[in-house]
Amino acid sequence: MAINLQKGQKINLEKNNGSKLTDFCVGCNWGAITKRGGFLGIGKQTIDVDLDLSCAMFDAKGQLVDFIYSPLYRPELLAQYGQKPGKLSSYDGALRHTGDDLKGDQNGNDGIDNEILTVDLKRVSPQIDQIVFFLNTCGQEDFSQIPYATIRMFEGTPTHVKEVFAQYDVAAESQYAGMGALIMGKLYRRNGEWKFAAIGEAYADRFIGQTLERLQKQMA
């Protein structure tokens, strides 16, 4: 049975049979915004929501050593924050991104992740101590307007969910008004083993460069 994570909760990556979860997917599912609209206000209007699932990887000293985020971000803007152009695979090949979803679920929650990162902890470089997963809005909307956003860890492939291990849900709430970035959670090493912590902190960042800069300051 999947673990429904709460903000600040930490878990061991241990399955029911006692084995360790080492090869899995981290997926994010979210919905487009639906409003009343159309001719004379009759019917509904669907507004695309472009969220980006990204991750940043840090060593034991809190230094950024690797990252995955969309190559669609303009390199000249990233450079203003001291960041490199985006890419969809980690240097060690242990993490890979399936690519951008620019719209979100158009007809309610379909239960299918819009963007997915595949993770193979056995291949993660020994240099990496923490892997932080986060979301950024790429439009004018903030997280209070997005009807739902869920991040989950599951065994399987990007096209087939075998078993959900844990998930963290974000509902459209007033506390997220003006917030364009959400630090969802992180994988971290402790005594030679990987663990996961649900963070759930929202910030008013309007560009991923601000979020990466924030994470580097927090980890330092």
N, C-alpha and C. Protein backbone atom coordinates (compact mmCIF):
# COMPACT_ATOMS: atom_id res chain seq x y z
N MET A 1 0.85 -1.20 0.00
CA MET A 1 0.00 0.00 0.00
C MET A 1 0.88 1.24 0.00
N ALA A 2 0.54 2.23 -0.83
CA ALA A 2 1.36 3.43 -0.97
C ALA A 2 1.36 4.25 0.32
N ILE A 3 2.49 4.87 0.61
CA ILE A 3 2.61 5.78 1.74
C ILE A 3 2.16 7.16 1.30
N ASN A 4 1.16 7.74 1.99
CA ASN A 4 0.73 9.10 1.70
C ASN A 4 1.55 10.05 2.56
N LEU A 5 2.51 10.70 1.94
CA LEU A 5 3.46 11.50 2.68
C LEU A 5 2.86 12.81 3.18
N GLN A 6 3.31 13.23 4.34
CA GLN A 6 2.96 14.52 4.91
C GLN A 6 4.19 15.42 4.89
N LYS A 7 3.97 16.72 4.89
CA LYS A 7 5.06 17.68 4.87
C LYS A 7 6.04 17.40 6.01
N GLY A 8 7.32 17.28 5.67
CA GLY A 8 8.36 17.05 6.67
C GLY A 8 8.59 15.59 7.02
N GLN A 9 7.76 14.68 6.50
CA GLN A 9 7.89 13.27 6.83
C GLN A 9 9.11 12.65 6.14
N LYS A 10 9.82 11.78 6.85
CA LYS A 10 10.97 11.07 6.32
C LYS A 10 10.69 9.58 6.32
N ILE A 11 11.11 8.90 5.26
CA ILE A 11 10.85 7.47 5.15
C ILE A 11 12.09 6.73 4.66
N ASN A 12 12.17 5.46 5.04
CA ASN A 12 13.19 4.57 4.49
C ASN A 12 12.68 4.00 3.17
N LEU A 13 13.57 3.74 2.26
CA LEU A 13 13.18 3.17 0.97
C LEU A 13 13.17 1.66 1.06
N GLU A 14 12.26 1.15 1.90
CA GLU A 14 12.16 -0.29 2.13
C GLU A 14 10.77 -0.77 1.77
N LYS A 15 10.70 -1.79 0.95
CA LYS A 15 9.42 -2.32 0.51
C LYS A 15 8.85 -3.30 1.55
N ASN A 16 7.62 -3.72 1.33
CA ASN A 16 6.95 -4.62 2.28
C ASN A 16 7.69 -5.93 2.48
N ASN A 17 8.38 -6.40 1.44
CA ASN A 17 9.10 -7.67 1.55
C ASN A 17 10.49 -7.51 2.17
N GLY A 18 10.84 -6.29 2.59
CA GLY A 18 12.11 -6.04 3.24
C GLY A 18 13.24 -5.63 2.31
N SER A 19 13.02 -5.73 1.01
CA SER A 19 14.06 -5.32 0.05
C SER A 19 14.06 -3.80 -0.11
N LYS A 20 15.15 -3.27 -0.66
CA LYS A 20 15.30 -1.83 -0.82
C LYS A 20 14.79 -1.38 -2.19
N LEU A 21 14.18 -0.21 -2.20
CA LEU A 21 13.74 0.41 -3.44
C LEU A 21 14.93 1.14 -4.03
N THR A 22 15.44 0.67 -5.15
CA THR A 22 16.63 1.28 -5.75
C THR A 22 16.42 1.71 -7.20
N ASP A 23 15.45 1.11 -7.88
CA ASP A 23 15.21 1.40 -9.29
C ASP A 23 13.73 1.76 -9.43
N PHE A 24 13.43 3.04 -9.66
CA PHE A 24 12.04 3.49 -9.61
C PHE A 24 11.85 4.75 -10.44
N CYS A 25 10.62 5.23 -10.48
CA CYS A 25 10.28 6.47 -11.18
C CYS A 25 9.75 7.50 -10.18
N VAL A 26 10.07 8.76 -10.43
CA VAL A 26 9.46 9.87 -9.69
C VAL A 26 8.62 10.63 -10.71
N GLY A 27 7.30 10.57 -10.54
CA GLY A 27 6.41 11.18 -11.51
C GLY A 27 5.59 12.29 -10.90
N CYS A 28 5.20 13.25 -11.74
CA CYS A 28 4.36 14.35 -11.29
C CYS A 28 3.15 14.47 -12.21
N ASN A 29 1.98 14.57 -11.60
CA ASN A 29 0.72 14.70 -12.32
C ASN A 29 0.02 15.98 -11.87
N TRP A 30 -0.48 16.78 -12.83
CA TRP A 30 -1.17 18.01 -12.44
C TRP A 30 -2.28 18.33 -13.45
N GLY A 31 -3.17 19.23 -13.03
CA GLY A 31 -4.32 19.54 -13.87
C GLY A 31 -4.28 20.92 -14.47
N ALA A 32 -4.85 21.05 -15.67
CA ALA A 32 -5.07 22.36 -16.26
C ALA A 32 -6.14 23.10 -15.46
N ILE A 33 -6.24 24.40 -15.65
CA ILE A 33 -7.21 25.22 -14.94
C ILE A 33 -8.49 25.33 -15.77
N THR A 34 -9.61 25.06 -15.13
CA THR A 34 -10.90 25.15 -15.81
C THR A 34 -11.71 26.31 -15.24
N LYS A 35 -12.19 27.18 -16.14
CA LYS A 35 -13.01 28.33 -15.73
C LYS A 35 -14.27 28.37 -16.59
N ARG A 36 -15.27 29.07 -16.05
CA ARG A 36 -16.45 29.33 -16.87
C ARG A 36 -16.05 30.29 -17.99
N GLY A 37 -16.52 30.03 -19.20
CA GLY A 37 -16.13 30.89 -20.30
C GLY A 37 -16.91 30.56 -21.54
N GLY A 38 -16.35 30.94 -22.67
CA GLY A 38 -17.05 30.71 -23.92
C GLY A 38 -18.04 31.82 -24.23
N PHE A 39 -18.88 31.62 -25.20
CA PHE A 39 -19.85 32.62 -25.65
C PHE A 39 -20.86 32.93 -24.56
N LEU A 40 -20.98 34.20 -24.21
CA LEU A 40 -21.92 34.69 -23.19
C LEU A 40 -21.68 34.02 -21.83
N GLY A 41 -20.44 33.57 -21.61
CA GLY A 41 -20.12 32.96 -20.33
C GLY A 41 -20.66 31.56 -20.17
N ILE A 42 -21.14 30.98 -21.26
CA ILE A 42 -21.69 29.63 -21.20
C ILE A 42 -20.59 28.62 -21.53
N GLY A 43 -20.60 27.49 -20.84
CA GLY A 43 -19.59 26.47 -21.09
C GLY A 43 -18.37 26.69 -20.20
N LYS A 44 -17.26 26.11 -20.62
CA LYS A 44 -16.06 26.22 -19.81
C LYS A 44 -14.85 26.55 -20.68
N GLN A 45 -13.86 27.11 -20.04
CA GLN A 45 -12.61 27.46 -20.69
C GLN A 45 -11.49 26.71 -19.99
N THR A 46 -10.66 26.03 -20.75
CA THR A 46 -9.53 25.29 -20.18
C THR A 46 -8.24 26.05 -20.47
N ILE A 47 -7.49 26.31 -19.41
CA ILE A 47 -6.23 27.05 -19.52
C ILE A 47 -5.09 26.08 -19.28
N ASP A 48 -4.21 25.94 -20.26
CA ASP A 48 -3.06 25.05 -20.12
C ASP A 48 -2.19 25.46 -18.95
N VAL A 49 -1.63 24.47 -18.27
CA VAL A 49 -0.69 24.71 -17.17
C VAL A 49 0.62 23.99 -17.48
N ASP A 50 1.67 24.76 -17.62
CA ASP A 50 2.99 24.21 -17.89
C ASP A 50 3.81 24.21 -16.61
N LEU A 51 3.91 23.05 -15.96
CA LEU A 51 4.80 22.88 -14.82
C LEU A 51 6.05 22.13 -15.29
N ASP A 52 7.14 22.34 -14.62
CA ASP A 52 8.37 21.61 -14.92
C ASP A 52 8.84 20.87 -13.69
N LEU A 53 8.99 19.56 -13.83
CA LEU A 53 9.59 18.73 -12.79
C LEU A 53 11.10 18.70 -13.02
N SER A 54 11.87 19.07 -12.02
CA SER A 54 13.32 19.15 -12.14
C SER A 54 13.97 18.54 -10.91
N CYS A 55 15.28 18.35 -10.97
CA CYS A 55 16.01 17.92 -9.78
C CYS A 55 17.40 18.53 -9.78
N ALA A 56 17.92 18.73 -8.59
CA ALA A 56 19.27 19.25 -8.40
C ALA A 56 20.01 18.31 -7.47
N MET A 57 21.28 18.02 -7.78
CA MET A 57 22.06 17.04 -7.03
C MET A 57 23.25 17.70 -6.36
N PHE A 58 23.42 17.43 -5.07
CA PHE A 58 24.43 18.09 -4.26
C PHE A 58 25.37 17.07 -3.62
N ASP A 59 26.61 17.51 -3.39
CA ASP A 59 27.55 16.64 -2.68
C ASP A 59 27.41 16.84 -1.17
N ALA A 60 28.25 16.17 -0.39
CA ALA A 60 28.14 16.20 1.07
C ALA A 60 28.42 17.58 1.65
N LYS A 61 29.09 18.44 0.87
CA LYS A 61 29.38 19.80 1.32
C LYS A 61 28.32 20.80 0.87
N GLY A 62 27.28 20.31 0.20
CA GLY A 62 26.21 21.18 -0.25
C GLY A 62 26.48 21.90 -1.55
N GLN A 63 27.46 21.41 -2.31
CA GLN A 63 27.78 22.02 -3.60
C GLN A 63 26.97 21.36 -4.71
N LEU A 64 26.41 22.17 -5.61
CA LEU A 64 25.66 21.64 -6.75
C LEU A 64 26.63 20.97 -7.72
N VAL A 65 26.41 19.67 -7.98
CA VAL A 65 27.33 18.94 -8.87
C VAL A 65 26.63 18.42 -10.12
N ASP A 66 25.29 18.39 -10.12
CA ASP A 66 24.58 17.92 -11.30
C ASP A 66 23.13 18.40 -11.23
N PHE A 67 22.40 18.27 -12.31
CA PHE A 67 21.05 18.79 -12.38
C PHE A 67 20.32 18.17 -13.57
N ILE A 68 18.99 18.22 -13.51
CA ILE A 68 18.15 17.91 -14.66
C ILE A 68 17.02 18.92 -14.67
N TYR A 69 16.91 19.67 -15.76
CA TYR A 69 15.77 20.55 -15.97
C TYR A 69 15.62 20.80 -17.47
N SER A 70 14.49 21.36 -17.85
CA SER A 70 14.12 21.44 -19.26
C SER A 70 15.13 22.19 -20.12
N PRO A 71 15.50 21.63 -21.28
CA PRO A 71 16.36 22.34 -22.23
C PRO A 71 15.65 23.52 -22.89
N LEU A 72 14.33 23.66 -22.66
CA LEU A 72 13.58 24.75 -23.27
C LEU A 72 13.81 26.09 -22.57
N TYR A 73 14.38 26.08 -21.38
CA TYR A 73 14.70 27.34 -20.70
C TYR A 73 15.78 28.08 -21.49
N ARG A 74 15.62 29.38 -21.62
CA ARG A 74 16.56 30.18 -22.40
C ARG A 74 17.92 30.23 -21.70
N PRO A 75 18.99 29.78 -22.35
CA PRO A 75 20.32 29.74 -21.73
C PRO A 75 20.80 31.10 -21.23
N GLU A 76 20.45 32.19 -21.94
CA GLU A 76 20.91 33.51 -21.52
C GLU A 76 20.27 33.95 -20.20
N LEU A 77 19.04 33.49 -19.95
CA LEU A 77 18.40 33.80 -18.67
C LEU A 77 19.00 32.96 -17.55
N LEU A 78 19.24 31.69 -17.83
CA LEU A 78 19.87 30.83 -16.83
C LEU A 78 21.25 31.36 -16.46
N ALA A 79 21.97 31.86 -17.45
CA ALA A 79 23.33 32.37 -17.21
C ALA A 79 23.32 33.53 -16.23
N GLN A 80 22.22 34.29 -16.19
CA GLN A 80 22.13 35.42 -15.26
C GLN A 80 22.15 34.95 -13.81
N TYR A 81 21.78 33.69 -13.61
CA TYR A 81 21.79 33.10 -12.25
C TYR A 81 22.96 32.13 -12.08
N GLY A 82 23.89 32.16 -13.02
CA GLY A 82 25.06 31.29 -12.93
C GLY A 82 24.77 29.84 -13.22
N GLN A 83 23.68 29.56 -13.97
CA GLN A 83 23.28 28.19 -14.25
C GLN A 83 23.55 27.83 -15.71
N LYS A 84 23.72 26.54 -15.94
CA LYS A 84 24.01 26.03 -17.27
C LYS A 84 22.71 25.73 -18.04
N PRO A 85 22.78 25.55 -19.36
CA PRO A 85 21.59 25.15 -20.14
C PRO A 85 21.02 23.83 -19.63
N GLY A 86 19.72 23.66 -19.80
CA GLY A 86 19.05 22.48 -19.30
C GLY A 86 19.43 21.21 -20.05
N LYS A 87 19.22 20.07 -19.38
CA LYS A 87 19.47 18.76 -19.97
C LYS A 87 18.53 17.75 -19.33
N LEU A 88 18.34 16.59 -19.97
CA LEU A 88 17.36 15.61 -19.51
C LEU A 88 17.97 14.34 -18.94
N SER A 89 19.29 14.33 -18.71
CA SER A 89 19.94 13.15 -18.13
C SER A 89 21.07 13.61 -17.22
N SER A 90 21.25 12.90 -16.11
CA SER A 90 22.36 13.21 -15.21
C SER A 90 23.67 12.77 -15.84
N TYR A 91 24.77 13.32 -15.38
CA TYR A 91 26.07 12.98 -15.95
C TYR A 91 26.39 11.49 -15.82
N ASP A 92 25.95 10.88 -14.71
CA ASP A 92 26.23 9.46 -14.49
C ASP A 92 25.20 8.54 -15.13
N GLY A 93 24.16 9.12 -15.72
CA GLY A 93 23.12 8.33 -16.38
C GLY A 93 22.13 7.68 -15.43
N ALA A 94 22.22 7.99 -14.14
CA ALA A 94 21.35 7.35 -13.15
C ALA A 94 19.94 7.92 -13.15
N LEU A 95 19.79 9.18 -13.58
CA LEU A 95 18.48 9.82 -13.62
C LEU A 95 18.22 10.34 -15.03
N ARG A 96 16.98 10.13 -15.50
CA ARG A 96 16.61 10.59 -16.83
C ARG A 96 15.19 11.15 -16.80
N HIS A 97 14.97 12.20 -17.57
CA HIS A 97 13.67 12.88 -17.64
C HIS A 97 12.97 12.50 -18.94
N THR A 98 11.65 12.30 -18.86
CA THR A 98 10.89 11.90 -20.05
C THR A 98 10.60 13.07 -20.98
N GLY A 99 10.78 14.31 -20.52
CA GLY A 99 10.51 15.47 -21.37
C GLY A 99 9.32 16.28 -20.89
N ASP A 100 9.17 17.47 -21.49
CA ASP A 100 8.18 18.45 -21.05
C ASP A 100 6.74 18.08 -21.41
N ASP A 101 5.84 18.36 -20.46
CA ASP A 101 4.42 18.42 -20.73
C ASP A 101 4.01 19.88 -20.57
N LEU A 102 3.44 20.47 -21.59
CA LEU A 102 3.17 21.91 -21.60
C LEU A 102 1.73 22.27 -21.27
N LYS A 103 0.88 21.26 -20.97
CA LYS A 103 -0.55 21.55 -20.84
C LYS A 103 -1.18 21.10 -19.52
N GLY A 104 -0.75 19.97 -18.96
CA GLY A 104 -1.45 19.40 -17.81
C GLY A 104 -2.68 18.63 -18.24
N ASP A 105 -3.32 17.93 -17.30
CA ASP A 105 -4.53 17.17 -17.61
C ASP A 105 -5.65 18.10 -18.06
N GLN A 106 -6.24 17.83 -19.20
CA GLN A 106 -7.25 18.72 -19.79
C GLN A 106 -8.68 18.39 -19.36
N ASN A 107 -8.92 17.18 -18.91
CA ASN A 107 -10.29 16.76 -18.58
C ASN A 107 -10.37 16.10 -17.21
N GLY A 108 -9.74 16.73 -16.24
CA GLY A 108 -9.73 16.16 -14.90
C GLY A 108 -8.58 15.20 -14.70
N ASN A 109 -8.43 14.74 -13.50
CA ASN A 109 -7.30 13.88 -13.13
C ASN A 109 -7.38 12.53 -13.83
N ASP A 110 -6.43 12.28 -14.73
CA ASP A 110 -6.42 11.01 -15.45
C ASP A 110 -5.54 9.96 -14.77
N GLY A 111 -4.89 10.35 -13.65
CA GLY A 111 -4.07 9.40 -12.91
C GLY A 111 -2.76 9.05 -13.58
N ILE A 112 -2.43 9.74 -14.67
CA ILE A 112 -1.19 9.46 -15.41
C ILE A 112 -0.23 10.61 -15.20
N ASP A 113 1.00 10.31 -14.89
CA ASP A 113 1.99 11.36 -14.64
C ASP A 113 2.32 12.13 -15.92
N ASN A 114 2.36 13.44 -15.79
CA ASN A 114 2.67 14.31 -16.93
C ASN A 114 4.16 14.36 -17.23
N GLU A 115 4.98 14.35 -16.20
CA GLU A 115 6.43 14.32 -16.38
C GLU A 115 7.02 13.32 -15.39
N ILE A 116 8.06 12.61 -15.83
CA ILE A 116 8.62 11.53 -15.02
C ILE A 116 10.14 11.57 -15.07
N LEU A 117 10.74 11.35 -13.92
CA LEU A 117 12.18 11.13 -13.80
C LEU A 117 12.41 9.68 -13.42
N THR A 118 13.18 8.95 -14.20
CA THR A 118 13.56 7.59 -13.82
C THR A 118 14.82 7.66 -12.97
N VAL A 119 14.88 6.81 -11.96
CA VAL A 119 15.97 6.84 -10.99
C VAL A 119 16.54 5.44 -10.80
N ASP A 120 17.87 5.31 -10.89
CA ASP A 120 18.55 4.07 -10.57
C ASP A 120 19.63 4.41 -9.54
N LEU A 121 19.29 4.20 -8.26
CA LEU A 121 20.19 4.60 -7.18
C LEU A 121 21.52 3.85 -7.23
N LYS A 122 21.53 2.67 -7.84
CA LYS A 122 22.77 1.89 -7.90
C LYS A 122 23.80 2.58 -8.81
N ARG A 123 23.35 3.44 -9.71
CA ARG A 123 24.24 4.11 -10.65
C ARG A 123 24.59 5.54 -10.24
N VAL A 124 23.99 6.03 -9.17
CA VAL A 124 24.26 7.42 -8.75
C VAL A 124 25.71 7.56 -8.32
N SER A 125 26.35 8.59 -8.79
CA SER A 125 27.75 8.84 -8.45
C SER A 125 27.96 8.91 -6.94
N PRO A 126 29.03 8.31 -6.42
CA PRO A 126 29.31 8.39 -4.98
C PRO A 126 29.46 9.83 -4.49
N GLN A 127 29.73 10.74 -5.41
CA GLN A 127 29.90 12.14 -5.05
C GLN A 127 28.59 12.79 -4.62
N ILE A 128 27.47 12.24 -5.10
CA ILE A 128 26.16 12.86 -4.84
C ILE A 128 25.61 12.37 -3.51
N ASP A 129 25.21 13.34 -2.67
CA ASP A 129 24.71 13.04 -1.33
C ASP A 129 23.22 13.32 -1.18
N GLN A 130 22.71 14.29 -1.96
CA GLN A 130 21.29 14.65 -1.90
C GLN A 130 20.77 14.95 -3.29
N ILE A 131 19.52 14.52 -3.56
CA ILE A 131 18.85 14.80 -4.83
C ILE A 131 17.52 15.46 -4.50
N VAL A 132 17.37 16.72 -4.87
CA VAL A 132 16.18 17.49 -4.53
C VAL A 132 15.26 17.59 -5.75
N PHE A 133 13.97 17.30 -5.55
CA PHE A 133 12.98 17.35 -6.62
C PHE A 133 12.09 18.58 -6.41
N PHE A 134 11.86 19.34 -7.49
CA PHE A 134 11.07 20.56 -7.35
C PHE A 134 10.28 20.85 -8.62
N LEU A 135 9.25 21.70 -8.46
CA LEU A 135 8.38 22.10 -9.55
C LEU A 135 8.43 23.61 -9.73
N ASN A 136 8.33 24.05 -10.97
CA ASN A 136 8.22 25.47 -11.27
C ASN A 136 7.07 25.69 -12.24
N THR A 137 6.31 26.76 -12.03
CA THR A 137 5.30 27.16 -13.00
C THR A 137 5.99 27.97 -14.10
N CYS A 138 5.54 27.76 -15.33
CA CYS A 138 6.16 28.45 -16.47
C CYS A 138 5.23 29.46 -17.11
N GLY A 139 4.07 29.70 -16.49
CA GLY A 139 3.11 30.68 -16.98
C GLY A 139 2.81 31.71 -15.90
N GLN A 140 1.65 32.34 -16.00
CA GLN A 140 1.25 33.37 -15.04
C GLN A 140 0.55 32.78 -13.81
N GLU A 141 0.14 31.52 -13.91
CA GLU A 141 -0.59 30.92 -12.80
C GLU A 141 0.34 30.64 -11.62
N ASP A 142 -0.27 30.54 -10.41
CA ASP A 142 0.49 30.11 -9.25
C ASP A 142 -0.13 28.82 -8.72
N PHE A 143 0.46 28.26 -7.67
CA PHE A 143 0.02 26.95 -7.20
C PHE A 143 -1.34 26.98 -6.51
N SER A 144 -1.84 28.17 -6.14
CA SER A 144 -3.19 28.24 -5.57
C SER A 144 -4.26 28.06 -6.63
N GLN A 145 -3.91 28.27 -7.89
CA GLN A 145 -4.87 28.16 -8.99
C GLN A 145 -4.89 26.78 -9.65
N ILE A 146 -3.81 26.05 -9.49
CA ILE A 146 -3.71 24.73 -10.12
C ILE A 146 -4.53 23.74 -9.30
N PRO A 147 -5.48 23.05 -9.91
CA PRO A 147 -6.43 22.24 -9.13
C PRO A 147 -5.79 21.11 -8.32
N TYR A 148 -4.71 20.53 -8.82
CA TYR A 148 -4.02 19.48 -8.07
C TYR A 148 -2.63 19.28 -8.67
N ALA A 149 -1.74 18.83 -7.82
CA ALA A 149 -0.40 18.42 -8.25
C ALA A 149 0.05 17.31 -7.31
N THR A 150 0.50 16.22 -7.87
CA THR A 150 0.93 15.05 -7.10
C THR A 150 2.30 14.60 -7.56
N ILE A 151 3.18 14.34 -6.62
CA ILE A 151 4.45 13.71 -6.95
C ILE A 151 4.46 12.34 -6.28
N ARG A 152 4.91 11.32 -7.00
CA ARG A 152 4.89 9.98 -6.44
C ARG A 152 6.10 9.19 -6.89
N MET A 153 6.47 8.22 -6.07
CA MET A 153 7.55 7.30 -6.37
C MET A 153 6.92 5.94 -6.65
N PHE A 154 7.26 5.35 -7.80
CA PHE A 154 6.65 4.06 -8.12
C PHE A 154 7.63 3.15 -8.85
N GLU A 155 7.43 1.87 -8.68
CA GLU A 155 8.17 0.86 -9.44
C GLU A 155 7.49 0.67 -10.78
N GLY A 156 8.29 0.47 -11.81
CA GLY A 156 7.76 0.28 -13.14
C GLY A 156 8.56 1.07 -14.15
N THR A 157 7.88 1.52 -15.18
CA THR A 157 8.50 2.30 -16.24
C THR A 157 7.65 3.55 -16.47
N PRO A 158 8.14 4.51 -17.26
CA PRO A 158 7.33 5.69 -17.53
C PRO A 158 5.98 5.39 -18.17
N THR A 159 5.84 4.23 -18.80
CA THR A 159 4.57 3.88 -19.45
C THR A 159 3.77 2.81 -18.69
N HIS A 160 4.32 2.30 -17.60
CA HIS A 160 3.62 1.26 -16.85
C HIS A 160 3.95 1.36 -15.36
N VAL A 161 2.93 1.62 -14.56
CA VAL A 161 3.09 1.70 -13.11
C VAL A 161 2.86 0.31 -12.52
N LYS A 162 3.89 -0.27 -11.94
CA LYS A 162 3.76 -1.59 -11.33
C LYS A 162 3.20 -1.47 -9.91
N GLU A 163 3.81 -0.61 -9.11
CA GLU A 163 3.35 -0.42 -7.74
C GLU A 163 3.81 0.95 -7.23
N VAL A 164 2.88 1.72 -6.67
CA VAL A 164 3.21 3.02 -6.11
C VAL A 164 3.77 2.82 -4.70
N PHE A 165 4.95 3.40 -4.45
CA PHE A 165 5.59 3.26 -3.16
C PHE A 165 5.16 4.38 -2.21
N ALA A 166 5.18 5.62 -2.68
CA ALA A 166 4.81 6.75 -1.83
C ALA A 166 4.38 7.92 -2.72
N GLN A 167 3.51 8.80 -2.16
CA GLN A 167 3.12 9.97 -2.92
C GLN A 167 2.84 11.15 -1.99
N TYR A 168 2.98 12.34 -2.59
CA TYR A 168 2.77 13.59 -1.85
C TYR A 168 1.83 14.46 -2.68
N ASP A 169 0.73 14.90 -2.08
CA ASP A 169 -0.31 15.63 -2.81
C ASP A 169 -0.35 17.09 -2.40
N VAL A 170 -0.57 17.95 -3.40
CA VAL A 170 -0.74 19.38 -3.16
C VAL A 170 -2.10 19.79 -3.69
N ALA A 171 -2.95 20.36 -2.83
CA ALA A 171 -4.26 20.83 -3.26
C ALA A 171 -4.21 22.33 -3.52
N ALA A 172 -5.16 22.83 -4.32
CA ALA A 172 -5.25 24.26 -4.58
C ALA A 172 -5.72 24.96 -3.31
N GLU A 173 -4.82 25.63 -2.62
CA GLU A 173 -5.14 26.30 -1.36
C GLU A 173 -4.59 27.72 -1.37
N SER A 174 -5.23 28.59 -0.57
CA SER A 174 -4.88 30.01 -0.54
C SER A 174 -3.43 30.24 -0.09
N GLN A 175 -2.86 29.32 0.67
CA GLN A 175 -1.49 29.49 1.15
C GLN A 175 -0.47 29.50 0.01
N TYR A 176 -0.87 29.00 -1.17
CA TYR A 176 0.03 28.97 -2.32
C TYR A 176 -0.15 30.17 -3.26
N ALA A 177 -0.96 31.14 -2.87
CA ALA A 177 -1.16 32.33 -3.71
C ALA A 177 0.17 33.04 -3.93
N GLY A 178 0.48 33.34 -5.18
CA GLY A 178 1.71 34.02 -5.52
C GLY A 178 2.93 33.13 -5.57
N MET A 179 2.75 31.83 -5.30
CA MET A 179 3.88 30.91 -5.26
C MET A 179 4.08 30.22 -6.61
N GLY A 180 5.28 30.35 -7.18
CA GLY A 180 5.56 29.78 -8.49
C GLY A 180 6.56 28.65 -8.46
N ALA A 181 7.03 28.28 -7.27
CA ALA A 181 7.98 27.17 -7.13
C ALA A 181 7.61 26.34 -5.91
N LEU A 182 7.80 25.04 -6.02
CA LEU A 182 7.48 24.14 -4.92
C LEU A 182 8.59 23.10 -4.79
N ILE A 183 9.26 23.11 -3.65
CA ILE A 183 10.28 22.09 -3.35
C ILE A 183 9.53 20.89 -2.79
N MET A 184 9.44 19.83 -3.57
CA MET A 184 8.58 18.70 -3.21
C MET A 184 9.23 17.76 -2.19
N GLY A 185 10.48 17.38 -2.42
CA GLY A 185 11.13 16.44 -1.52
C GLY A 185 12.54 16.13 -1.98
N LYS A 186 13.21 15.28 -1.21
CA LYS A 186 14.59 14.95 -1.57
C LYS A 186 14.96 13.53 -1.17
N LEU A 187 15.82 12.93 -1.96
CA LEU A 187 16.52 11.70 -1.60
C LEU A 187 17.83 12.09 -0.95
N TYR A 188 18.22 11.39 0.10
CA TYR A 188 19.48 11.72 0.77
C TYR A 188 20.11 10.47 1.37
N ARG A 189 21.41 10.49 1.45
CA ARG A 189 22.15 9.35 2.01
C ARG A 189 22.30 9.50 3.53
N ARG A 190 22.10 8.38 4.25
CA ARG A 190 22.35 8.32 5.68
C ARG A 190 22.92 6.95 6.01
N ASN A 191 24.13 6.94 6.55
CA ASN A 191 24.78 5.69 6.94
C ASN A 191 24.81 4.66 5.81
N GLY A 192 25.11 5.15 4.61
CA GLY A 192 25.25 4.27 3.47
C GLY A 192 23.96 3.86 2.80
N GLU A 193 22.80 4.38 3.27
CA GLU A 193 21.52 4.04 2.68
C GLU A 193 20.81 5.30 2.20
N TRP A 194 19.95 5.13 1.19
CA TRP A 194 19.15 6.24 0.69
C TRP A 194 17.82 6.31 1.44
N LYS A 195 17.41 7.53 1.78
CA LYS A 195 16.12 7.79 2.40
C LYS A 195 15.43 8.91 1.63
N PHE A 196 14.14 9.15 1.95
CA PHE A 196 13.40 10.21 1.27
C PHE A 196 12.70 11.08 2.31
N ALA A 197 12.71 12.40 2.06
CA ALA A 197 12.02 13.35 2.93
C ALA A 197 11.07 14.19 2.10
N ALA A 198 9.82 14.31 2.53
CA ALA A 198 8.85 15.20 1.88
C ALA A 198 9.06 16.60 2.45
N ILE A 199 9.31 17.58 1.59
CA ILE A 199 9.59 18.94 2.05
C ILE A 199 8.35 19.82 1.95
N GLY A 200 7.81 20.00 0.75
CA GLY A 200 6.56 20.73 0.60
C GLY A 200 6.62 22.21 0.88
N GLU A 201 7.74 22.87 0.55
CA GLU A 201 7.89 24.31 0.77
C GLU A 201 7.67 25.07 -0.54
N ALA A 202 6.81 26.09 -0.50
CA ALA A 202 6.51 26.89 -1.69
C ALA A 202 7.19 28.25 -1.60
N TYR A 203 7.56 28.78 -2.77
CA TYR A 203 8.24 30.08 -2.84
C TYR A 203 7.69 30.88 -4.02
N ALA A 204 7.94 32.18 -4.00
CA ALA A 204 7.40 33.10 -5.00
C ALA A 204 8.30 33.20 -6.23
N ASP A 205 9.18 32.26 -6.46
CA ASP A 205 10.08 32.30 -7.62
C ASP A 205 9.27 32.29 -8.91
N ARG A 206 9.67 33.12 -9.86
CA ARG A 206 9.01 33.16 -11.16
C ARG A 206 9.85 32.55 -12.26
N PHE A 207 11.05 32.09 -11.90
CA PHE A 207 11.94 31.49 -12.89
C PHE A 207 12.79 30.44 -12.19
N ILE A 208 13.08 29.35 -12.90
CA ILE A 208 13.82 28.24 -12.30
C ILE A 208 15.20 28.67 -11.79
N GLY A 209 15.80 29.68 -12.43
CA GLY A 209 17.10 30.16 -11.97
C GLY A 209 17.06 30.63 -10.54
N GLN A 210 15.95 31.26 -10.14
CA GLN A 210 15.79 31.70 -8.75
C GLN A 210 15.71 30.52 -7.80
N THR A 211 15.02 29.46 -8.24
CA THR A 211 14.88 28.27 -7.39
C THR A 211 16.21 27.56 -7.21
N LEU A 212 16.97 27.43 -8.29
CA LEU A 212 18.29 26.80 -8.20
C LEU A 212 19.22 27.62 -7.31
N GLU A 213 19.16 28.94 -7.45
CA GLU A 213 19.96 29.81 -6.60
C GLU A 213 19.57 29.65 -5.14
N ARG A 214 18.26 29.54 -4.88
CA ARG A 214 17.76 29.35 -3.52
C ARG A 214 18.26 28.03 -2.93
N LEU A 215 18.16 26.96 -3.71
CA LEU A 215 18.59 25.66 -3.22
C LEU A 215 20.09 25.64 -2.91
N GLN A 216 20.89 26.28 -3.74
CA GLN A 216 22.33 26.32 -3.49
C GLN A 216 22.63 27.05 -2.19
N LYS A 217 21.90 28.10 -1.88
CA LYS A 217 22.11 28.83 -0.62
C LYS A 217 21.67 27.99 0.57
N GLN A 218 20.55 27.25 0.40
CA GLN A 218 20.04 26.42 1.49
C GLN A 218 20.99 25.26 1.80
N MET A 219 21.59 24.72 0.76
CA MET A 219 22.43 23.54 0.95
C MET A 219 23.84 23.90 1.42
N ALA A 220 24.26 25.11 1.14
CA ALA A 220 25.65 25.52 1.47
C ALA A 220 25.88 25.53 2.97
